[in-house]
Amino acid sequence: IPIPRGEAYIWDCATIAAQRGRGIFSGLLCFMLEDLRQAGYRRA
């Protein structure tokens, strides 16, 4: 699905098996979203 200019697609995310259950992906996702916001993107 093509997305408009100024939008982003988050993909191929993973937490290493030994570190699962700690909320790492949720923390990483929030970091990625804030990084996109600061860069001026509209939607993820």
PDB file of all heavy atoms in Angstrom:
ATOM      1  N   ILE A   1       0.852  -1.180   0.000  1.00  0.00           N
ATOM      2  CA  ILE A   1       0.000   0.000   0.000  1.00  0.00           C
ATOM      3  C   ILE A   1       0.892   1.235   0.000  1.00  0.00           C
ATOM      4  O   ILE A   1       1.576   1.515   0.991  1.00  0.00           O
ATOM      5  CB  ILE A   1      -0.921   0.044   1.238  1.00  0.00           C
ATOM      6  CG1 ILE A   1      -1.749  -1.244   1.340  1.00  0.00           C
ATOM      7  CG2 ILE A   1      -1.838   1.266   1.176  1.00  0.00           C
ATOM      8  CD1 ILE A   1      -2.589  -1.319   2.600  1.00  0.00           C
ATOM      9  N   PRO A   2       0.936   1.991  -1.080  1.00  0.00           N
ATOM     10  CA  PRO A   2       1.715   3.237  -1.065  1.00  0.00           C
ATOM     11  C   PRO A   2       1.175   4.183   0.003  1.00  0.00           C
ATOM     12  O   PRO A   2      -0.038   4.268   0.217  1.00  0.00           O
ATOM     13  CB  PRO A   2       1.482   3.806  -2.470  1.00  0.00           C
ATOM     14  CG  PRO A   2       1.026   2.643  -3.300  1.00  0.00           C
ATOM     15  CD  PRO A   2       0.267   1.750  -2.366  1.00  0.00           C
ATOM     16  N   ILE A   3       2.072   4.880   0.679  1.00  0.00           N
ATOM     17  CA  ILE A   3       1.642   5.852   1.680  1.00  0.00           C
ATOM     18  C   ILE A   3       2.064   7.251   1.239  1.00  0.00           C
ATOM     19  O   ILE A   3       3.053   7.410   0.524  1.00  0.00           O
ATOM     20  CB  ILE A   3       2.205   5.532   3.086  1.00  0.00           C
ATOM     21  CG1 ILE A   3       3.727   5.392   3.060  1.00  0.00           C
ATOM     22  CG2 ILE A   3       1.557   4.276   3.651  1.00  0.00           C
ATOM     23  CD1 ILE A   3       4.342   5.158   4.439  1.00  0.00           C
ATOM     24  N   PRO A   4       1.314   8.270   1.647  1.00  0.00           N
ATOM     25  CA  PRO A   4       1.630   9.635   1.213  1.00  0.00           C
ATOM     26  C   PRO A   4       2.977  10.102   1.750  1.00  0.00           C
ATOM     27  O   PRO A   4       3.491   9.598   2.751  1.00  0.00           O
ATOM     28  CB  PRO A   4       0.489  10.465   1.819  1.00  0.00           C
ATOM     29  CG  PRO A   4      -0.605   9.485   2.091  1.00  0.00           C
ATOM     30  CD  PRO A   4       0.080   8.200   2.436  1.00  0.00           C
ATOM     31  N   ARG A   5       3.533  11.100   1.076  1.00  0.00           N
ATOM     32  CA  ARG A   5       4.762  11.724   1.542  1.00  0.00           C
ATOM     33  C   ARG A   5       4.552  12.256   2.965  1.00  0.00           C
ATOM     34  O   ARG A   5       3.493  12.777   3.301  1.00  0.00           O
ATOM     35  CB  ARG A   5       5.159  12.864   0.608  1.00  0.00           C
ATOM     36  CG  ARG A   5       6.469  13.547   0.978  1.00  0.00           C
ATOM     37  CD  ARG A   5       6.722  14.725   0.051  1.00  0.00           C
ATOM     38  NE  ARG A   5       6.840  14.304  -1.333  1.00  0.00           N
ATOM     39  CZ  ARG A   5       7.979  13.925  -1.893  1.00  0.00           C
ATOM     40  NH1 ARG A   5       9.096  13.907  -1.175  1.00  0.00           N
ATOM     41  NH2 ARG A   5       8.018  13.550  -3.163  1.00  0.00           N
ATOM     42  N   GLY A   6       5.547  12.110   3.798  1.00  0.00           N
ATOM     43  CA  GLY A   6       5.439  12.588   5.175  1.00  0.00           C
ATOM     44  C   GLY A   6       4.848  11.576   6.137  1.00  0.00           C
ATOM     45  O   GLY A   6       4.550  11.906   7.290  1.00  0.00           O
ATOM     46  N   GLU A   7       4.679  10.308   5.674  1.00  0.00           N
ATOM     47  CA  GLU A   7       4.187   9.256   6.545  1.00  0.00           C
ATOM     48  C   GLU A   7       5.216   8.134   6.585  1.00  0.00           C
ATOM     49  O   GLU A   7       6.131   8.078   5.758  1.00  0.00           O
ATOM     50  CB  GLU A   7       2.816   8.769   6.078  1.00  0.00           C
ATOM     51  CG  GLU A   7       1.829   9.929   6.002  1.00  0.00           C
ATOM     52  CD  GLU A   7       0.377   9.504   5.935  1.00  0.00           C
ATOM     53  OE1 GLU A   7       0.096   8.286   6.000  1.00  0.00           O
ATOM     54  OE2 GLU A   7      -0.473  10.398   5.829  1.00  0.00           O
ATOM     55  N   ALA A   8       5.078   7.256   7.560  1.00  0.00           N
ATOM     56  CA  ALA A   8       6.096   6.225   7.781  1.00  0.00           C
ATOM     57  C   ALA A   8       5.436   4.895   8.089  1.00  0.00           C
ATOM     58  O   ALA A   8       4.292   4.846   8.570  1.00  0.00           O
ATOM     59  CB  ALA A   8       7.016   6.636   8.929  1.00  0.00           C
ATOM     60  N   TYR A   9       6.169   3.831   7.823  1.00  0.00           N
ATOM     61  CA  TYR A   9       5.700   2.477   8.132  1.00  0.00           C
ATOM     62  C   TYR A   9       6.717   1.788   9.034  1.00  0.00           C
ATOM     63  O   TYR A   9       7.891   1.663   8.682  1.00  0.00           O
ATOM     64  CB  TYR A   9       5.509   1.675   6.836  1.00  0.00           C
ATOM     65  CG  TYR A   9       5.164   0.222   7.077  1.00  0.00           C
ATOM     66  CD1 TYR A   9       4.040  -0.131   7.815  1.00  0.00           C
ATOM     67  CD2 TYR A   9       5.968  -0.799   6.575  1.00  0.00           C
ATOM     68  CE1 TYR A   9       3.730  -1.464   8.048  1.00  0.00           C
ATOM     69  CE2 TYR A   9       5.654  -2.131   6.789  1.00  0.00           C
ATOM     70  CZ  TYR A   9       4.533  -2.460   7.529  1.00  0.00           C
ATOM     71  OH  TYR A   9       4.226  -3.772   7.755  1.00  0.00           O
ATOM     72  N   ILE A  10       6.272   1.351  10.186  1.00  0.00           N
ATOM     73  CA  ILE A  10       7.122   0.644  11.147  1.00  0.00           C
ATOM     74  C   ILE A  10       7.006  -0.854  10.870  1.00  0.00           C
ATOM     75  O   ILE A  10       5.902  -1.402  10.820  1.00  0.00           O
ATOM     76  CB  ILE A  10       6.688   0.976  12.589  1.00  0.00           C
ATOM     77  CG1 ILE A  10       6.927   2.475  12.866  1.00  0.00           C
ATOM     78  CG2 ILE A  10       7.438   0.110  13.600  1.00  0.00           C
ATOM     79  CD1 ILE A  10       6.383   2.943  14.214  1.00  0.00           C
ATOM     80  N   TRP A  11       8.156  -1.518  10.704  1.00  0.00           N
ATOM     81  CA  TRP A  11       8.131  -2.924  10.305  1.00  0.00           C
ATOM     82  C   TRP A  11       9.350  -3.671  10.846  1.00  0.00           C
ATOM     83  O   TRP A  11      10.290  -3.066  11.338  1.00  0.00           O
ATOM     84  CB  TRP A  11       8.075  -3.042   8.774  1.00  0.00           C
ATOM     85  CG  TRP A  11       9.243  -2.447   8.043  1.00  0.00           C
ATOM     86  CD1 TRP A  11       9.507  -1.117   7.852  1.00  0.00           C
ATOM     87  CD2 TRP A  11      10.316  -3.153   7.399  1.00  0.00           C
ATOM     88  NE1 TRP A  11      10.669  -0.955   7.135  1.00  0.00           N
ATOM     89  CE2 TRP A  11      11.176  -2.180   6.832  1.00  0.00           C
ATOM     90  CE3 TRP A  11      10.611  -4.507   7.236  1.00  0.00           C
ATOM     91  CZ2 TRP A  11      12.324  -2.530   6.121  1.00  0.00           C
ATOM     92  CZ3 TRP A  11      11.754  -4.850   6.516  1.00  0.00           C
ATOM     93  CH2 TRP A  11      12.583  -3.870   5.970  1.00  0.00           C
ATOM     94  N   ASP A  12       9.292  -4.986  10.737  1.00  0.00           N
ATOM     95  CA  ASP A  12      10.378  -5.881  11.158  1.00  0.00           C
ATOM     96  C   ASP A  12      10.935  -5.465  12.513  1.00  0.00           C
ATOM     97  O   ASP A  12      12.114  -5.121  12.643  1.00  0.00           O
ATOM     98  CB  ASP A  12      11.477  -5.931  10.099  1.00  0.00           C
ATOM     99  CG  ASP A  12      12.399  -7.131  10.316  1.00  0.00           C
ATOM    100  OD1 ASP A  12      12.065  -7.981  11.165  1.00  0.00           O
ATOM    101  OD2 ASP A  12      13.455  -7.210   9.657  1.00  0.00           O
ATOM    102  N   CYS A  13      10.087  -5.528  13.516  1.00  0.00           N
ATOM    103  CA  CYS A  13      10.490  -5.230  14.895  1.00  0.00           C
ATOM    104  C   CYS A  13      10.571  -6.533  15.680  1.00  0.00           C
ATOM    105  O   CYS A  13       9.776  -7.445  15.458  1.00  0.00           O
ATOM    106  CB  CYS A  13       9.475  -4.309  15.566  1.00  0.00           C
ATOM    107  SG  CYS A  13       9.222  -2.732  14.746  1.00  0.00           S
ATOM    108  N   ALA A  14      11.508  -6.622  16.581  1.00  0.00           N
ATOM    109  CA  ALA A  14      11.630  -7.832  17.389  1.00  0.00           C
ATOM    110  C   ALA A  14      12.359  -7.525  18.688  1.00  0.00           C
ATOM    111  O   ALA A  14      13.178  -6.600  18.752  1.00  0.00           O
ATOM    112  CB  ALA A  14      12.380  -8.921  16.625  1.00  0.00           C
ATOM    113  N   THR A  15      12.045  -8.298  19.698  1.00  0.00           N
ATOM    114  CA  THR A  15      12.789  -8.308  20.952  1.00  0.00           C
ATOM    115  C   THR A  15      13.531  -9.634  21.040  1.00  0.00           C
ATOM    116  O   THR A  15      12.951 -10.687  20.748  1.00  0.00           O
ATOM    117  CB  THR A  15      11.848  -8.162  22.156  1.00  0.00           C
ATOM    118  OG1 THR A  15      11.080  -6.970  22.027  1.00  0.00           O
ATOM    119  CG2 THR A  15      12.642  -8.120  23.467  1.00  0.00           C
ATOM    120  N   ILE A  16      14.796  -9.594  21.391  1.00  0.00           N
ATOM    121  CA  ILE A  16      15.572 -10.824  21.540  1.00  0.00           C
ATOM    122  C   ILE A  16      14.903 -11.717  22.579  1.00  0.00           C
ATOM    123  O   ILE A  16      14.448 -11.250  23.630  1.00  0.00           O
ATOM    124  CB  ILE A  16      17.017 -10.494  21.965  1.00  0.00           C
ATOM    125  CG1 ILE A  16      17.645  -9.523  20.957  1.00  0.00           C
ATOM    126  CG2 ILE A  16      17.864 -11.761  22.080  1.00  0.00           C
ATOM    127  CD1 ILE A  16      17.529  -9.942  19.518  1.00  0.00           C
ATOM    128  N   ALA A  17      14.857 -13.016  22.276  1.00  0.00           N
ATOM    129  CA  ALA A  17      14.078 -13.951  23.100  1.00  0.00           C
ATOM    130  C   ALA A  17      14.392 -13.842  24.594  1.00  0.00           C
ATOM    131  O   ALA A  17      13.493 -13.851  25.436  1.00  0.00           O
ATOM    132  CB  ALA A  17      14.304 -15.377  22.610  1.00  0.00           C
ATOM    133  N   ALA A  18      15.664 -13.717  24.926  1.00  0.00           N
ATOM    134  CA  ALA A  18      16.056 -13.697  26.344  1.00  0.00           C
ATOM    135  C   ALA A  18      15.568 -12.451  27.069  1.00  0.00           C
ATOM    136  O   ALA A  18      15.562 -12.407  28.300  1.00  0.00           O
ATOM    137  CB  ALA A  18      17.578 -13.802  26.468  1.00  0.00           C
ATOM    138  N   GLN A  19      15.168 -11.412  26.319  1.00  0.00           N
ATOM    139  CA  GLN A  19      14.769 -10.144  26.933  1.00  0.00           C
ATOM    140  C   GLN A  19      13.261  -9.897  26.855  1.00  0.00           C
ATOM    141  O   GLN A  19      12.801  -8.833  27.266  1.00  0.00           O
ATOM    142  CB  GLN A  19      15.508  -8.984  26.247  1.00  0.00           C
ATOM    143  CG  GLN A  19      17.021  -9.075  26.354  1.00  0.00           C
ATOM    144  CD  GLN A  19      17.499  -9.018  27.790  1.00  0.00           C
ATOM    145  OE1 GLN A  19      16.908  -8.330  28.632  1.00  0.00           O
ATOM    146  NE2 GLN A  19      18.570  -9.741  28.098  1.00  0.00           N
ATOM    147  N   ARG A  20      12.500 -10.844  26.352  1.00  0.00           N
ATOM    148  CA  ARG A  20      11.062 -10.648  26.234  1.00  0.00           C
ATOM    149  C   ARG A  20      10.391 -10.635  27.608  1.00  0.00           C
ATOM    150  O   ARG A  20      10.893 -11.199  28.561  1.00  0.00           O
ATOM    151  CB  ARG A  20      10.445 -11.734  25.345  1.00  0.00           C
ATOM    152  CG  ARG A  20      10.852 -11.575  23.891  1.00  0.00           C
ATOM    153  CD  ARG A  20      10.314 -12.678  23.003  1.00  0.00           C
ATOM    154  NE  ARG A  20      10.843 -12.508  21.640  1.00  0.00           N
ATOM    155  CZ  ARG A  20      10.833 -13.453  20.712  1.00  0.00           C
ATOM    156  NH1 ARG A  20      10.331 -14.635  20.992  1.00  0.00           N
ATOM    157  NH2 ARG A  20      11.335 -13.206  19.518  1.00  0.00           N
ATOM    158  N   GLY A  21       9.258  -9.957  27.651  1.00  0.00           N
ATOM    159  CA  GLY A  21       8.514  -9.868  28.902  1.00  0.00           C
ATOM    160  C   GLY A  21       8.877  -8.670  29.748  1.00  0.00           C
ATOM    161  O   GLY A  21       8.367  -8.509  30.855  1.00  0.00           O
ATOM    162  N   ARG A  22       9.745  -7.788  29.251  1.00  0.00           N
ATOM    163  CA  ARG A  22      10.201  -6.617  30.013  1.00  0.00           C
ATOM    164  C   ARG A  22       9.594  -5.308  29.503  1.00  0.00           C
ATOM    165  O   ARG A  22       9.887  -4.249  30.043  1.00  0.00           O
ATOM    166  CB  ARG A  22      11.728  -6.521  29.957  1.00  0.00           C
ATOM    167  CG  ARG A  22      12.465  -7.745  30.495  1.00  0.00           C
ATOM    168  CD  ARG A  22      13.967  -7.530  30.424  1.00  0.00           C
ATOM    169  NE  ARG A  22      14.350  -6.336  31.173  1.00  0.00           N
ATOM    170  CZ  ARG A  22      15.526  -5.715  31.059  1.00  0.00           C
ATOM    171  NH1 ARG A  22      16.414  -6.176  30.194  1.00  0.00           N
ATOM    172  NH2 ARG A  22      15.808  -4.645  31.772  1.00  0.00           N
ATOM    173  N   GLY A  23       8.786  -5.371  28.460  1.00  0.00           N
ATOM    174  CA  GLY A  23       8.212  -4.154  27.902  1.00  0.00           C
ATOM    175  C   GLY A  23       9.140  -3.419  26.956  1.00  0.00           C
ATOM    176  O   GLY A  23       8.931  -2.237  26.681  1.00  0.00           O
ATOM    177  N   ILE A  24      10.160  -4.103  26.436  1.00  0.00           N
ATOM    178  CA  ILE A  24      11.137  -3.441  25.575  1.00  0.00           C
ATOM    179  C   ILE A  24      10.501  -2.962  24.277  1.00  0.00           C
ATOM    180  O   ILE A  24      10.766  -1.838  23.822  1.00  0.00           O
ATOM    181  CB  ILE A  24      12.335  -4.369  25.305  1.00  0.00           C
ATOM    182  CG1 ILE A  24      13.172  -4.506  26.577  1.00  0.00           C
ATOM    183  CG2 ILE A  24      13.197  -3.860  24.145  1.00  0.00           C
ATOM    184  CD1 ILE A  24      14.308  -5.495  26.478  1.00  0.00           C
ATOM    185  N   PHE A  25       9.644  -3.778  23.661  1.00  0.00           N
ATOM    186  CA  PHE A  25       9.053  -3.350  22.408  1.00  0.00           C
ATOM    187  C   PHE A  25       8.172  -2.113  22.594  1.00  0.00           C
ATOM    188  O   PHE A  25       8.192  -1.195  21.768  1.00  0.00           O
ATOM    189  CB  PHE A  25       8.240  -4.469  21.765  1.00  0.00           C
ATOM    190  CG  PHE A  25       7.585  -4.037  20.481  1.00  0.00           C
ATOM    191  CD1 PHE A  25       8.336  -3.646  19.393  1.00  0.00           C
ATOM    192  CD2 PHE A  25       6.208  -4.008  20.366  1.00  0.00           C
ATOM    193  CE1 PHE A  25       7.738  -3.231  18.207  1.00  0.00           C
ATOM    194  CE2 PHE A  25       5.598  -3.601  19.193  1.00  0.00           C
ATOM    195  CZ  PHE A  25       6.364  -3.212  18.114  1.00  0.00           C
ATOM    196  N   SER A  26       7.408  -2.068  23.665  1.00  0.00           N
ATOM    197  CA  SER A  26       6.574  -0.885  23.911  1.00  0.00           C
ATOM    198  C   SER A  26       7.442   0.362  24.068  1.00  0.00           C
ATOM    199  O   SER A  26       7.125   1.431  23.540  1.00  0.00           O
ATOM    200  CB  SER A  26       5.707  -1.091  25.157  1.00  0.00           C
ATOM    201  OG  SER A  26       4.736  -2.091  24.942  1.00  0.00           O
ATOM    202  N   GLY A  27       8.562   0.230  24.797  1.00  0.00           N
ATOM    203  CA  GLY A  27       9.475   1.359  24.956  1.00  0.00           C
ATOM    204  C   GLY A  27      10.101   1.765  23.637  1.00  0.00           C
ATOM    205  O   GLY A  27      10.231   2.961  23.335  1.00  0.00           O
ATOM    206  N   LEU A  28      10.493   0.793  22.840  1.00  0.00           N
ATOM    207  CA  LEU A  28      11.096   1.072  21.533  1.00  0.00           C
ATOM    208  C   LEU A  28      10.087   1.750  20.614  1.00  0.00           C
ATOM    209  O   LEU A  28      10.419   2.711  19.904  1.00  0.00           O
ATOM    210  CB  LEU A  28      11.594  -0.230  20.908  1.00  0.00           C
ATOM    211  CG  LEU A  28      12.325  -0.121  19.568  1.00  0.00           C
ATOM    212  CD1 LEU A  28      13.650   0.598  19.735  1.00  0.00           C
ATOM    213  CD2 LEU A  28      12.535  -1.503  18.961  1.00  0.00           C
ATOM    214  N   LEU A  29       8.854   1.282  20.641  1.00  0.00           N
ATOM    215  CA  LEU A  29       7.821   1.845  19.786  1.00  0.00           C
ATOM    216  C   LEU A  29       7.581   3.317  20.129  1.00  0.00           C
ATOM    217  O   LEU A  29       7.494   4.166  19.233  1.00  0.00           O
ATOM    218  CB  LEU A  29       6.537   1.036  19.946  1.00  0.00           C
ATOM    219  CG  LEU A  29       5.398   1.299  18.970  1.00  0.00           C
ATOM    220  CD1 LEU A  29       5.846   1.109  17.527  1.00  0.00           C
ATOM    221  CD2 LEU A  29       4.229   0.372  19.289  1.00  0.00           C
ATOM    222  N   CYS A  30       7.504   3.640  21.409  1.00  0.00           N
ATOM    223  CA  CYS A  30       7.315   5.037  21.805  1.00  0.00           C
ATOM    224  C   CYS A  30       8.511   5.892  21.380  1.00  0.00           C
ATOM    225  O   CYS A  30       8.339   7.037  20.951  1.00  0.00           O
ATOM    226  CB  CYS A  30       7.090   5.128  23.309  1.00  0.00           C
ATOM    227  SG  CYS A  30       5.487   4.492  23.840  1.00  0.00           S
ATOM    228  N   PHE A  31       9.718   5.347  21.498  1.00  0.00           N
ATOM    229  CA  PHE A  31      10.913   6.070  21.040  1.00  0.00           C
ATOM    230  C   PHE A  31      10.819   6.352  19.546  1.00  0.00           C
ATOM    231  O   PHE A  31      11.108   7.470  19.081  1.00  0.00           O
ATOM    232  CB  PHE A  31      12.164   5.244  21.352  1.00  0.00           C
ATOM    233  CG  PHE A  31      13.425   5.805  20.756  1.00  0.00           C
ATOM    234  CD1 PHE A  31      14.127   6.809  21.404  1.00  0.00           C
ATOM    235  CD2 PHE A  31      13.903   5.338  19.538  1.00  0.00           C
ATOM    236  CE1 PHE A  31      15.298   7.344  20.846  1.00  0.00           C
ATOM    237  CE2 PHE A  31      15.066   5.864  18.978  1.00  0.00           C
ATOM    238  CZ  PHE A  31      15.761   6.870  19.638  1.00  0.00           C
ATOM    239  N   MET A  32      10.416   5.374  18.759  1.00  0.00           N
ATOM    240  CA  MET A  32      10.322   5.538  17.317  1.00  0.00           C
ATOM    241  C   MET A  32       9.274   6.580  16.950  1.00  0.00           C
ATOM    242  O   MET A  32       9.480   7.415  16.061  1.00  0.00           O
ATOM    243  CB  MET A  32       9.997   4.192  16.663  1.00  0.00           C
ATOM    244  CG  MET A  32      11.084   3.145  16.842  1.00  0.00           C
ATOM    245  SD  MET A  32      10.543   1.470  16.416  1.00  0.00           S
ATOM    246  CE  MET A  32      10.659   1.534  14.641  1.00  0.00           C
ATOM    247  N   LEU A  33       8.134   6.555  17.640  1.00  0.00           N
ATOM    248  CA  LEU A  33       7.069   7.512  17.347  1.00  0.00           C
ATOM    249  C   LEU A  33       7.510   8.937  17.663  1.00  0.00           C
ATOM    250  O   LEU A  33       7.245   9.865  16.890  1.00  0.00           O
ATOM    251  CB  LEU A  33       5.818   7.155  18.142  1.00  0.00           C
ATOM    252  CG  LEU A  33       5.104   5.866  17.720  1.00  0.00           C
ATOM    253  CD1 LEU A  33       4.003   5.534  18.714  1.00  0.00           C
ATOM    254  CD2 LEU A  33       4.549   5.982  16.306  1.00  0.00           C
ATOM    255  N   GLU A  34       8.168   9.129  18.795  1.00  0.00           N
ATOM    256  CA  GLU A  34       8.625  10.475  19.148  1.00  0.00           C
ATOM    257  C   GLU A  34       9.698  10.948  18.183  1.00  0.00           C
ATOM    258  O   GLU A  34       9.743  12.141  17.820  1.00  0.00           O
ATOM    259  CB  GLU A  34       9.151  10.494  20.586  1.00  0.00           C
ATOM    260  CG  GLU A  34       9.747  11.818  21.042  1.00  0.00           C
ATOM    261  CD  GLU A  34       8.779  12.996  21.011  1.00  0.00           C
ATOM    262  OE1 GLU A  34       7.547  12.780  20.874  1.00  0.00           O
ATOM    263  OE2 GLU A  34       9.257  14.134  21.123  1.00  0.00           O
ATOM    264  N   ASP A  35      10.554  10.035  17.735  1.00  0.00           N
ATOM    265  CA  ASP A  35      11.578  10.394  16.754  1.00  0.00           C
ATOM    266  C   ASP A  35      10.920  10.859  15.456  1.00  0.00           C
ATOM    267  O   ASP A  35      11.343  11.859  14.852  1.00  0.00           O
ATOM    268  CB  ASP A  35      12.477   9.180  16.504  1.00  0.00           C
ATOM    269  CG  ASP A  35      13.788   9.554  15.812  1.00  0.00           C
ATOM    270  OD1 ASP A  35      14.413  10.545  16.216  1.00  0.00           O
ATOM    271  OD2 ASP A  35      14.169   8.835  14.869  1.00  0.00           O
ATOM    272  N   LEU A  36       9.869  10.167  15.030  1.00  0.00           N
ATOM    273  CA  LEU A  36       9.145  10.568  13.823  1.00  0.00           C
ATOM    274  C   LEU A  36       8.450  11.910  14.030  1.00  0.00           C
ATOM    275  O   LEU A  36       8.431  12.757  13.126  1.00  0.00           O
ATOM    276  CB  LEU A  36       8.127   9.493  13.438  1.00  0.00           C
ATOM    277  CG  LEU A  36       8.715   8.178  12.902  1.00  0.00           C
ATOM    278  CD1 LEU A  36       7.634   7.115  12.820  1.00  0.00           C
ATOM    279  CD2 LEU A  36       9.362   8.389  11.537  1.00  0.00           C
ATOM    280  N   ARG A  37       7.882  12.122  15.199  1.00  0.00           N
ATOM    281  CA  ARG A  37       7.207  13.396  15.476  1.00  0.00           C
ATOM    282  C   ARG A  37       8.188  14.555  15.389  1.00  0.00           C
ATOM    283  O   ARG A  37       7.909  15.583  14.762  1.00  0.00           O
ATOM    284  CB  ARG A  37       6.558  13.357  16.865  1.00  0.00           C
ATOM    285  CG  ARG A  37       5.708  14.594  17.178  1.00  0.00           C
ATOM    286  CD  ARG A  37       5.314  14.638  18.638  1.00  0.00           C
ATOM    287  NE  ARG A  37       6.459  14.955  19.490  1.00  0.00           N
ATOM    288  CZ  ARG A  37       6.893  16.194  19.721  1.00  0.00           C
ATOM    289  NH1 ARG A  37       6.300  17.237  19.170  1.00  0.00           N
ATOM    290  NH2 ARG A  37       7.935  16.391  20.504  1.00  0.00           N
ATOM    291  N   GLN A  38       9.351  14.389  16.010  1.00  0.00           N
ATOM    292  CA  GLN A  38      10.344  15.459  15.990  1.00  0.00           C
ATOM    293  C   GLN A  38      10.866  15.727  14.581  1.00  0.00           C
ATOM    294  O   GLN A  38      11.277  16.848  14.270  1.00  0.00           O
ATOM    295  CB  GLN A  38      11.493  15.115  16.928  1.00  0.00           C
ATOM    296  CG  GLN A  38      11.120  15.137  18.399  1.00  0.00           C
ATOM    297  CD  GLN A  38      12.305  14.921  19.309  1.00  0.00           C
ATOM    298  OE1 GLN A  38      13.456  15.071  18.910  1.00  0.00           O
ATOM    299  NE2 GLN A  38      12.034  14.564  20.561  1.00  0.00           N
ATOM    300  N   ALA A  39      10.841  14.720  13.733  1.00  0.00           N
ATOM    301  CA  ALA A  39      11.307  14.883  12.350  1.00  0.00           C
ATOM    302  C   ALA A  39      10.225  15.469  11.446  1.00  0.00           C
ATOM    303  O   ALA A  39      10.480  15.710  10.265  1.00  0.00           O
ATOM    304  CB  ALA A  39      11.776  13.543  11.793  1.00  0.00           C
ATOM    305  N   GLY A  40       9.029  15.689  11.978  1.00  0.00           N
ATOM    306  CA  GLY A  40       7.983  16.344  11.216  1.00  0.00           C
ATOM    307  C   GLY A  40       7.054  15.425  10.443  1.00  0.00           C
ATOM    308  O   GLY A  40       6.305  15.887   9.577  1.00  0.00           O
ATOM    309  N   TYR A  41       7.061  14.127  10.753  1.00  0.00           N
ATOM    310  CA  TYR A  41       6.163  13.207  10.061  1.00  0.00           C
ATOM    311  C   TYR A  41       4.736  13.331  10.593  1.00  0.00           C
ATOM    312  O   TYR A  41       4.508  13.804  11.711  1.00  0.00           O
ATOM    313  CB  TYR A  41       6.673  11.772  10.175  1.00  0.00           C
ATOM    314  CG  TYR A  41       7.856  11.536   9.275  1.00  0.00           C
ATOM    315  CD1 TYR A  41       9.148  11.789   9.733  1.00  0.00           C
ATOM    316  CD2 TYR A  41       7.683  11.124   7.958  1.00  0.00           C
ATOM    317  CE1 TYR A  41      10.242  11.617   8.891  1.00  0.00           C
ATOM    318  CE2 TYR A  41       8.774  10.945   7.115  1.00  0.00           C
ATOM    319  CZ  TYR A  41      10.042  11.195   7.594  1.00  0.00           C
ATOM    320  OH  TYR A  41      11.123  11.037   6.763  1.00  0.00           O
ATOM    321  N   ARG A  42       3.780  12.890   9.785  1.00  0.00           N
ATOM    322  CA  ARG A  42       2.373  13.034  10.119  1.00  0.00           C
ATOM    323  C   ARG A  42       1.805  11.804  10.813  1.00  0.00           C
ATOM    324  O   ARG A  42       1.170  11.896  11.853  1.00  0.00           O
ATOM    325  CB  ARG A  42       1.550  13.304   8.858  1.00  0.00           C
ATOM    326  CG  ARG A  42       1.940  14.563   8.110  1.00  0.00           C
ATOM    327  CD  ARG A  42       1.173  14.668   6.809  1.00  0.00           C
ATOM    328  NE  ARG A  42      -0.260  14.670   7.042  1.00  0.00           N
ATOM    329  CZ  ARG A  42      -1.154  14.151   6.201  1.00  0.00           C
ATOM    330  NH1 ARG A  42      -0.748  13.546   5.096  1.00  0.00           N
ATOM    331  NH2 ARG A  42      -2.448  14.226   6.460  1.00  0.00           N
ATOM    332  N   ARG A  43       2.005  10.657  10.175  1.00  0.00           N
ATOM    333  CA  ARG A  43       1.408   9.425  10.681  1.00  0.00           C
ATOM    334  C   ARG A  43       2.411   8.287  10.594  1.00  0.00           C
ATOM    335  O   ARG A  43       3.262   8.277   9.717  1.00  0.00           O
ATOM    336  CB  ARG A  43       0.161   9.039   9.876  1.00  0.00           C
ATOM    337  CG  ARG A  43      -1.084   9.815  10.231  1.00  0.00           C
ATOM    338  CD  ARG A  43      -2.307   9.224   9.537  1.00  0.00           C
ATOM    339  NE  ARG A  43      -2.229   9.392   8.102  1.00  0.00           N
ATOM    340  CZ  ARG A  43      -3.133  10.056   7.379  1.00  0.00           C
ATOM    341  NH1 ARG A  43      -4.160  10.633   7.967  1.00  0.00           N
ATOM    342  NH2 ARG A  43      -3.002  10.144   6.069  1.00  0.00           N
ATOM    343  N   ALA A  44       2.234   7.326  11.503  1.00  0.00           N
ATOM    344  CA  ALA A  44       3.013   6.091  11.467  1.00  0.00           C
ATOM    345  C   ALA A  44       2.048   4.925  11.335  1.00  0.00           C
ATOM    346  O   ALA A  44       1.048   4.855  12.053  1.00  0.00           O
ATOM    347  CB  ALA A  44       3.847   5.941  12.734  1.00  0.00           C
TER     348      ALA A  44
END
